[in-house]
Amino acid sequence: MFRNNRFRIPPEFREYLVIIERSLIPICIVQIVRTVLFPSTLDMFLLAMFVGVYSLLYLDLL
């Protein structure tokens, strides 16, 4: 089965992935606090999307 290898990606795009990975944790924390304080459907959707993207990056599926 083919696994997406980050070393096949051009270096400038790899840098963007690292920046996105590093910025998703603080964004998720802020979104969790916002969802707890002011829950809405949009907040829950955004939180699920951020956690999903981070998990895809963490598992090297994206």
C-alpha atoms as a PDB file:
ATOM      1  CA  MET A   1       0.000   0.000   0.000  1.00  0.00           C
ATOM      2  CA  PHE A   2       1.299   3.454  -0.918  1.00  0.00           C
ATOM      3  CA  ARG A   3       2.164   5.715   1.983  1.00  0.00           C
ATOM      4  CA  ASN A   4       2.511   9.404   1.461  1.00  0.00           C
ATOM      5  CA  ASN A   5       6.158  10.234   2.076  1.00  0.00           C
ATOM      6  CA  ARG A   6       6.969  13.814   3.030  1.00  0.00           C
ATOM      7  CA  PHE A   7      10.392  13.615   1.436  1.00  0.00           C
ATOM      8  CA  ARG A   8       8.768  13.310  -1.988  1.00  0.00           C
ATOM      9  CA  ILE A   9       7.166  16.714  -1.503  1.00  0.00           C
ATOM     10  CA  PRO A  10       9.179  19.758  -2.655  1.00  0.00           C
ATOM     11  CA  PRO A  11      11.038  21.458   0.236  1.00  0.00           C
ATOM     12  CA  GLU A  12       9.006  24.677   0.189  1.00  0.00           C
ATOM     13  CA  PHE A  13       5.739  22.755   0.548  1.00  0.00           C
ATOM     14  CA  ARG A  14       7.267  20.647   3.306  1.00  0.00           C
ATOM     15  CA  GLU A  15       8.005  23.868   5.202  1.00  0.00           C
ATOM     16  CA  TYR A  16       4.353  24.879   4.853  1.00  0.00           C
ATOM     17  CA  LEU A  17       3.259  21.533   6.299  1.00  0.00           C
ATOM     18  CA  VAL A  18       5.563  22.016   9.298  1.00  0.00           C
ATOM     19  CA  ILE A  19       4.204  25.524   9.874  1.00  0.00           C
ATOM     20  CA  ILE A  20       0.619  24.274   9.654  1.00  0.00           C
ATOM     21  CA  GLU A  21       1.380  21.392  12.023  1.00  0.00           C
ATOM     22  CA  ARG A  22       2.942  23.681  14.604  1.00  0.00           C
ATOM     23  CA  SER A  23       0.135  26.230  14.457  1.00  0.00           C
ATOM     24  CA  LEU A  24      -2.722  23.718  14.718  1.00  0.00           C
ATOM     25  CA  ILE A  25      -2.124  22.905  18.410  1.00  0.00           C
ATOM     26  CA  PRO A  26      -2.631  26.504  19.655  1.00  0.00           C
ATOM     27  CA  ILE A  27      -5.584  26.943  17.300  1.00  0.00           C
ATOM     28  CA  CYS A  28      -7.159  23.745  18.664  1.00  0.00           C
ATOM     29  CA  ILE A  29      -6.647  24.889  22.255  1.00  0.00           C
ATOM     30  CA  VAL A  30      -8.283  28.254  21.553  1.00  0.00           C
ATOM     31  CA  GLN A  31     -11.123  26.510  19.729  1.00  0.00           C
ATOM     32  CA  ILE A  32     -11.688  24.110  22.659  1.00  0.00           C
ATOM     33  CA  VAL A  33     -11.938  27.046  25.072  1.00  0.00           C
ATOM     34  CA  ARG A  34     -14.282  28.868  22.718  1.00  0.00           C
ATOM     35  CA  THR A  35     -16.447  25.757  22.280  1.00  0.00           C
ATOM     36  CA  VAL A  36     -16.690  25.263  26.048  1.00  0.00           C
ATOM     37  CA  LEU A  37     -17.579  28.906  26.727  1.00  0.00           C
ATOM     38  CA  PHE A  38     -19.827  29.628  23.731  1.00  0.00           C
ATOM     39  CA  PRO A  39     -20.959  26.323  22.210  1.00  0.00           C
ATOM     40  CA  SER A  40     -22.415  26.464  18.731  1.00  0.00           C
ATOM     41  CA  THR A  41     -22.596  24.167  15.755  1.00  0.00           C
ATOM     42  CA  LEU A  42     -19.969  26.157  13.874  1.00  0.00           C
ATOM     43  CA  ASP A  43     -17.510  25.932  16.798  1.00  0.00           C
ATOM     44  CA  MET A  44     -17.941  22.175  17.054  1.00  0.00           C
ATOM     45  CA  PHE A  45     -17.521  21.791  13.292  1.00  0.00           C
ATOM     46  CA  LEU A  46     -14.329  23.888  13.315  1.00  0.00           C
ATOM     47  CA  LEU A  47     -12.931  21.945  16.271  1.00  0.00           C
ATOM     48  CA  ALA A  48     -13.641  18.620  14.561  1.00  0.00           C
ATOM     49  CA  MET A  49     -12.039  19.891  11.361  1.00  0.00           C
ATOM     50  CA  PHE A  50      -8.878  21.116  13.140  1.00  0.00           C
ATOM     51  CA  VAL A  51      -8.519  17.882  15.111  1.00  0.00           C
ATOM     52  CA  GLY A  52      -9.088  15.856  11.935  1.00  0.00           C
ATOM     53  CA  VAL A  53      -6.461  17.774   9.970  1.00  0.00           C
ATOM     54  CA  TYR A  54      -3.971  17.481  12.820  1.00  0.00           C
ATOM     55  CA  SER A  55      -4.559  13.752  13.144  1.00  0.00           C
ATOM     56  CA  LEU A  56      -4.066  13.327   9.378  1.00  0.00           C
ATOM     57  CA  LEU A  57      -0.790  15.241   9.581  1.00  0.00           C
ATOM     58  CA  TYR A  58       0.301  13.334  12.676  1.00  0.00           C
ATOM     59  CA  LEU A  59      -0.369   9.953  11.060  1.00  0.00           C
ATOM     60  CA  ASP A  60       1.364  11.061   7.814  1.00  0.00           C
ATOM     61  CA  LEU A  61      -1.774  10.530   5.770  1.00  0.00           C
ATOM     62  CA  LEU A  62      -1.725  14.071   4.397  1.00  0.00           C
END
